[in-house]
């Protein structure tokens, strides 16, 4: 499978990926499954990584990773549901961290929903 993308400096980068599997070679079906997988990665995991730097977390032992993941998902849901601050999710998180009144506004708006 070949992937092509245009980098920010305008150059074109092409990458070839090879897959090993026991299924018959049905290219369209495999491509559909791969696009579906990356759709999930790009919509959920990428958002969590950009907002909370989840990939850089050093939390690895015990129940810590699961517990912090629950709190991150909760915070992400709250920030996505908020309509009081006009910014992206990462921006809302930063604003809520810098301004206690904005944080209260976000939480109170969630309470009235």
N, C-alpha and C. Protein backbone atom coordinates (compact mmCIF):
# COMPACT_ATOMS: atom_id res chain seq x y z
N UNK A 1 0.85 -1.16 0.00
CA UNK A 1 0.00 0.00 0.00
C UNK A 1 0.90 1.23 0.00
N UNK A 2 0.63 2.17 -0.88
CA UNK A 2 1.40 3.40 -0.96
C UNK A 2 0.62 4.54 -0.33
N UNK A 3 1.32 5.35 0.47
CA UNK A 3 0.73 6.54 1.07
C UNK A 3 1.52 7.74 0.60
N UNK A 4 0.80 8.78 0.23
CA UNK A 4 1.46 10.02 -0.21
C UNK A 4 0.91 11.17 0.60
N UNK A 5 1.79 12.06 1.04
CA UNK A 5 1.35 13.25 1.76
C UNK A 5 2.25 14.42 1.39
N UNK A 6 1.69 15.61 1.56
CA UNK A 6 2.44 16.83 1.28
C UNK A 6 2.86 17.42 2.62
N UNK A 7 4.15 17.61 2.81
CA UNK A 7 4.68 18.16 4.05
C UNK A 7 4.48 19.67 4.09
N UNK A 8 4.66 20.26 5.26
CA UNK A 8 4.42 21.69 5.43
C UNK A 8 5.33 22.56 4.58
N UNK A 9 6.51 22.04 4.21
CA UNK A 9 7.42 22.82 3.37
C UNK A 9 7.15 22.62 1.88
N UNK A 10 6.09 21.87 1.55
CA UNK A 10 5.68 21.70 0.16
C UNK A 10 6.23 20.46 -0.52
N UNK A 11 7.15 19.74 0.11
CA UNK A 11 7.68 18.53 -0.51
C UNK A 11 6.69 17.39 -0.37
N UNK A 12 6.74 16.47 -1.32
CA UNK A 12 5.84 15.32 -1.33
C UNK A 12 6.60 14.11 -0.80
N UNK A 13 5.98 13.42 0.15
CA UNK A 13 6.60 12.24 0.74
C UNK A 13 5.73 11.03 0.43
N UNK A 14 6.33 9.96 -0.08
CA UNK A 14 5.61 8.73 -0.39
C UNK A 14 6.21 7.60 0.43
N UNK A 15 5.33 6.77 0.98
CA UNK A 15 5.76 5.67 1.83
C UNK A 15 5.03 4.41 1.39
N UNK A 16 5.74 3.31 1.31
CA UNK A 16 5.13 2.03 0.96
C UNK A 16 5.07 1.16 2.20
N UNK A 17 3.89 0.61 2.48
CA UNK A 17 3.70 -0.27 3.63
C UNK A 17 3.37 -1.67 3.13
N UNK A 18 3.96 -2.65 3.78
CA UNK A 18 3.71 -4.04 3.43
C UNK A 18 3.00 -4.72 4.59
N UNK A 19 2.08 -5.61 4.28
CA UNK A 19 1.30 -6.29 5.30
C UNK A 19 1.37 -7.79 5.07
N UNK A 20 1.45 -8.54 6.16
CA UNK A 20 1.45 -10.00 6.09
C UNK A 20 0.19 -10.48 6.79
N UNK A 21 -0.54 -11.36 6.12
CA UNK A 21 -1.77 -11.88 6.71
C UNK A 21 -2.16 -13.19 6.07
N UNK A 22 -3.13 -13.85 6.68
CA UNK A 22 -3.57 -15.15 6.17
C UNK A 22 -4.82 -15.01 5.31
N UNK A 23 -5.38 -13.81 5.22
CA UNK A 23 -6.58 -13.60 4.41
C UNK A 23 -6.23 -13.49 2.93
N UNK A 24 -7.19 -13.80 2.05
CA UNK A 24 -6.92 -13.64 0.62
C UNK A 24 -6.65 -12.16 0.31
N UNK A 25 -5.84 -11.88 -0.69
CA UNK A 25 -5.45 -10.50 -0.99
C UNK A 25 -6.58 -9.71 -1.66
N UNK A 26 -7.44 -9.13 -0.85
CA UNK A 26 -8.52 -8.28 -1.34
C UNK A 26 -8.16 -6.84 -0.97
N UNK A 27 -7.53 -6.16 -1.89
CA UNK A 27 -6.94 -4.86 -1.62
C UNK A 27 -7.97 -3.84 -1.11
N UNK A 28 -9.12 -3.78 -1.74
CA UNK A 28 -10.12 -2.78 -1.33
C UNK A 28 -10.60 -3.03 0.11
N UNK A 29 -10.82 -4.28 0.45
CA UNK A 29 -11.29 -4.59 1.80
C UNK A 29 -10.21 -4.24 2.83
N UNK A 30 -8.97 -4.60 2.54
CA UNK A 30 -7.87 -4.29 3.47
C UNK A 30 -7.69 -2.78 3.60
N UNK A 31 -7.77 -2.08 2.51
CA UNK A 31 -7.63 -0.62 2.55
C UNK A 31 -8.74 0.01 3.38
N UNK A 32 -9.95 -0.53 3.24
CA UNK A 32 -11.08 -0.03 4.02
C UNK A 32 -10.85 -0.24 5.51
N UNK A 33 -10.36 -1.40 5.90
CA UNK A 33 -10.08 -1.68 7.31
C UNK A 33 -8.98 -0.77 7.84
N UNK A 34 -7.96 -0.54 7.04
CA UNK A 34 -6.86 0.35 7.47
C UNK A 34 -7.35 1.78 7.64
N UNK A 35 -8.17 2.27 6.71
CA UNK A 35 -8.70 3.63 6.82
C UNK A 35 -9.58 3.76 8.06
N UNK A 36 -10.36 2.72 8.34
CA UNK A 36 -11.23 2.73 9.52
C UNK A 36 -10.39 2.79 10.80
N UNK A 37 -9.32 2.01 10.83
CA UNK A 37 -8.43 2.03 12.00
C UNK A 37 -7.83 3.42 12.20
N UNK A 38 -7.30 4.01 11.13
CA UNK A 38 -6.65 5.32 11.26
C UNK A 38 -7.66 6.41 11.52
N UNK A 39 -8.91 6.22 11.12
CA UNK A 39 -9.95 7.19 11.44
C UNK A 39 -10.14 7.27 12.95
N UNK A 40 -10.17 6.11 13.60
CA UNK A 40 -10.29 6.08 15.06
C UNK A 40 -9.06 6.71 15.69
N UNK A 41 -7.90 6.36 15.20
CA UNK A 41 -6.66 6.92 15.73
C UNK A 41 -6.64 8.43 15.61
N UNK A 42 -7.04 8.93 14.47
CA UNK A 42 -6.98 10.37 14.24
C UNK A 42 -8.04 11.15 15.01
N UNK A 43 -9.21 10.56 15.22
CA UNK A 43 -10.27 11.31 15.89
C UNK A 43 -10.19 11.23 17.41
N UNK A 44 -9.87 10.08 17.96
CA UNK A 44 -9.86 9.95 19.42
C UNK A 44 -8.47 10.04 20.00
N UNK A 45 -7.59 9.14 19.62
CA UNK A 45 -6.28 9.08 20.24
C UNK A 45 -5.45 10.32 19.95
N UNK A 46 -5.53 10.83 18.74
CA UNK A 46 -4.78 12.04 18.42
C UNK A 46 -5.26 13.22 19.26
N UNK A 47 -6.57 13.34 19.44
CA UNK A 47 -7.12 14.41 20.26
C UNK A 47 -6.63 14.29 21.69
N UNK A 48 -6.64 13.09 22.24
CA UNK A 48 -6.17 12.91 23.61
C UNK A 48 -4.69 13.19 23.72
N UNK A 49 -3.91 12.83 22.71
CA UNK A 49 -2.48 13.08 22.78
C UNK A 49 -2.17 14.58 22.67
N UNK A 50 -2.86 15.26 21.76
CA UNK A 50 -2.62 16.70 21.60
C UNK A 50 -3.09 17.46 22.83
N UNK A 51 -4.23 17.10 23.38
CA UNK A 51 -4.80 17.83 24.52
C UNK A 51 -4.06 17.54 25.81
N UNK A 52 -3.73 16.29 26.06
CA UNK A 52 -3.15 15.89 27.35
C UNK A 52 -1.74 15.32 27.26
N UNK A 53 -1.11 15.36 26.09
CA UNK A 53 0.23 14.79 25.88
C UNK A 53 0.28 13.36 26.42
N UNK A 54 -0.74 12.58 26.08
CA UNK A 54 -0.90 11.23 26.62
C UNK A 54 0.26 10.31 26.25
N UNK A 55 0.80 10.46 25.06
CA UNK A 55 1.92 9.60 24.64
C UNK A 55 3.18 9.85 25.46
N UNK A 56 3.30 11.02 26.05
CA UNK A 56 4.49 11.35 26.86
C UNK A 56 4.32 10.96 28.32
N UNK A 57 3.18 10.43 28.69
CA UNK A 57 2.93 10.06 30.09
C UNK A 57 3.89 8.97 30.53
N UNK A 58 4.44 9.11 31.73
CA UNK A 58 5.36 8.11 32.26
C UNK A 58 4.66 7.19 33.26
N UNK A 59 3.36 7.33 33.36
CA UNK A 59 2.57 6.51 34.28
C UNK A 59 2.45 5.10 33.70
N UNK A 60 3.05 4.10 34.36
CA UNK A 60 3.09 2.77 33.78
C UNK A 60 2.69 1.65 34.74
N UNK A 61 2.71 1.88 36.05
CA UNK A 61 2.55 0.78 37.01
C UNK A 61 1.18 0.78 37.68
N UNK A 62 0.76 -0.41 38.06
CA UNK A 62 -0.47 -0.56 38.82
C UNK A 62 -1.70 -0.11 38.05
N UNK A 63 -2.65 0.47 38.77
CA UNK A 63 -3.89 0.94 38.17
C UNK A 63 -3.80 2.37 37.67
N UNK A 64 -2.67 3.00 37.87
CA UNK A 64 -2.49 4.40 37.50
C UNK A 64 -2.87 4.73 36.06
N UNK A 65 -2.38 3.98 35.07
CA UNK A 65 -2.73 4.31 33.68
C UNK A 65 -4.23 4.27 33.40
N UNK A 66 -4.92 3.27 33.95
CA UNK A 66 -6.37 3.17 33.73
C UNK A 66 -7.11 4.30 34.42
N UNK A 67 -6.70 4.63 35.63
CA UNK A 67 -7.38 5.68 36.39
C UNK A 67 -7.20 7.03 35.71
N UNK A 68 -5.97 7.36 35.33
CA UNK A 68 -5.74 8.66 34.69
C UNK A 68 -6.42 8.73 33.33
N UNK A 69 -6.53 7.59 32.64
CA UNK A 69 -7.22 7.55 31.36
C UNK A 69 -8.70 7.90 31.52
N UNK A 70 -9.32 7.40 32.59
CA UNK A 70 -10.72 7.71 32.86
C UNK A 70 -10.89 9.21 33.08
N UNK A 71 -10.01 9.80 33.88
CA UNK A 71 -10.10 11.24 34.14
C UNK A 71 -9.84 12.06 32.88
N UNK A 72 -8.92 11.61 32.04
CA UNK A 72 -8.65 12.33 30.77
C UNK A 72 -9.87 12.27 29.85
N UNK A 73 -10.50 11.08 29.76
CA UNK A 73 -11.70 10.96 28.92
C UNK A 73 -12.84 11.81 29.46
N UNK A 74 -12.98 11.86 30.78
CA UNK A 74 -14.01 12.70 31.40
C UNK A 74 -13.75 14.17 31.08
N UNK A 75 -12.51 14.60 31.26
CA UNK A 75 -12.17 15.99 30.97
C UNK A 75 -12.38 16.31 29.49
N UNK A 76 -12.02 15.38 28.62
CA UNK A 76 -12.22 15.59 27.19
C UNK A 76 -13.69 15.72 26.85
N UNK A 77 -14.53 14.89 27.46
CA UNK A 77 -15.98 14.97 27.24
C UNK A 77 -16.53 16.31 27.70
N UNK A 78 -16.07 16.77 28.85
CA UNK A 78 -16.53 18.05 29.38
C UNK A 78 -16.11 19.19 28.46
N UNK A 79 -14.85 19.17 28.02
CA UNK A 79 -14.35 20.24 27.15
C UNK A 79 -15.04 20.23 25.79
N UNK A 80 -15.34 19.05 25.25
CA UNK A 80 -16.03 18.98 23.96
C UNK A 80 -17.47 19.46 24.08
N UNK A 81 -18.10 19.21 25.21
CA UNK A 81 -19.49 19.62 25.40
C UNK A 81 -19.63 21.11 25.69
N UNK A 82 -18.55 21.76 26.12
CA UNK A 82 -18.61 23.16 26.50
C UNK A 82 -18.84 24.07 25.29
N UNK A 83 -19.73 25.05 25.48
CA UNK A 83 -19.97 26.06 24.44
C UNK A 83 -19.69 27.46 24.94
N UNK A 84 -19.22 27.60 26.19
CA UNK A 84 -18.98 28.93 26.74
C UNK A 84 -17.67 29.54 26.27
N UNK A 85 -16.68 28.71 25.97
CA UNK A 85 -15.38 29.18 25.50
C UNK A 85 -15.25 28.82 24.03
N UNK A 86 -14.95 29.80 23.20
CA UNK A 86 -14.82 29.57 21.76
C UNK A 86 -13.35 29.30 21.42
N UNK A 87 -12.97 28.04 21.51
CA UNK A 87 -11.61 27.62 21.20
C UNK A 87 -11.64 26.12 20.95
N UNK A 88 -10.52 25.56 20.50
CA UNK A 88 -10.46 24.11 20.35
C UNK A 88 -10.28 23.47 21.71
N UNK A 89 -10.30 22.16 21.78
CA UNK A 89 -10.27 21.45 23.06
C UNK A 89 -8.99 21.76 23.83
N UNK A 90 -7.87 21.76 23.14
CA UNK A 90 -6.60 22.06 23.80
C UNK A 90 -6.61 23.49 24.35
N UNK A 91 -7.11 24.42 23.57
CA UNK A 91 -7.19 25.80 24.01
C UNK A 91 -8.11 25.97 25.21
N UNK A 92 -9.24 25.27 25.19
CA UNK A 92 -10.16 25.32 26.34
C UNK A 92 -9.48 24.81 27.60
N UNK A 93 -8.71 23.73 27.46
CA UNK A 93 -8.02 23.17 28.62
C UNK A 93 -7.01 24.17 29.17
N UNK A 94 -6.26 24.79 28.30
CA UNK A 94 -5.27 25.77 28.75
C UNK A 94 -5.95 26.97 29.41
N UNK A 95 -7.02 27.46 28.78
CA UNK A 95 -7.74 28.61 29.35
C UNK A 95 -8.31 28.26 30.72
N UNK A 96 -8.88 27.07 30.85
CA UNK A 96 -9.44 26.64 32.15
C UNK A 96 -8.35 26.52 33.20
N UNK A 97 -7.16 26.13 32.79
CA UNK A 97 -6.04 26.03 33.73
C UNK A 97 -5.50 27.38 34.15
N UNK A 98 -5.61 28.37 33.28
CA UNK A 98 -5.07 29.70 33.58
C UNK A 98 -6.07 30.59 34.32
N UNK A 99 -7.36 30.35 34.10
CA UNK A 99 -8.37 31.27 34.61
C UNK A 99 -9.44 30.48 35.38
N UNK A 100 -9.46 30.66 36.69
CA UNK A 100 -10.39 29.91 37.53
C UNK A 100 -11.84 30.24 37.21
N UNK A 101 -12.13 31.49 36.83
CA UNK A 101 -13.50 31.85 36.47
C UNK A 101 -13.96 31.12 35.20
N UNK A 102 -13.06 30.97 34.23
CA UNK A 102 -13.41 30.22 33.01
C UNK A 102 -13.65 28.75 33.33
N UNK A 103 -12.83 28.19 34.22
CA UNK A 103 -13.02 26.80 34.65
C UNK A 103 -14.39 26.63 35.30
N UNK A 104 -14.73 27.55 36.18
CA UNK A 104 -16.05 27.49 36.82
C UNK A 104 -17.16 27.60 35.79
N UNK A 105 -16.98 28.47 34.81
CA UNK A 105 -17.99 28.64 33.76
C UNK A 105 -18.18 27.36 32.96
N UNK A 106 -17.08 26.70 32.63
CA UNK A 106 -17.16 25.44 31.87
C UNK A 106 -17.90 24.37 32.69
N UNK A 107 -17.55 24.26 33.96
CA UNK A 107 -18.19 23.24 34.80
C UNK A 107 -19.64 23.56 35.10
N UNK A 108 -19.95 24.83 35.30
CA UNK A 108 -21.35 25.22 35.57
C UNK A 108 -22.22 25.04 34.31
N UNK A 109 -21.66 25.32 33.14
CA UNK A 109 -22.40 25.12 31.90
C UNK A 109 -22.73 23.65 31.71
N UNK A 110 -21.81 22.78 32.10
CA UNK A 110 -22.03 21.34 31.99
C UNK A 110 -23.15 20.92 32.95
N UNK A 111 -23.21 21.54 34.10
CA UNK A 111 -24.20 21.20 35.11
C UNK A 111 -25.63 21.52 34.65
N UNK A 112 -25.78 22.56 33.83
CA UNK A 112 -27.11 22.96 33.37
C UNK A 112 -27.61 22.16 32.18
N UNK A 113 -26.73 21.38 31.57
CA UNK A 113 -27.12 20.62 30.37
C UNK A 113 -27.99 19.46 30.73
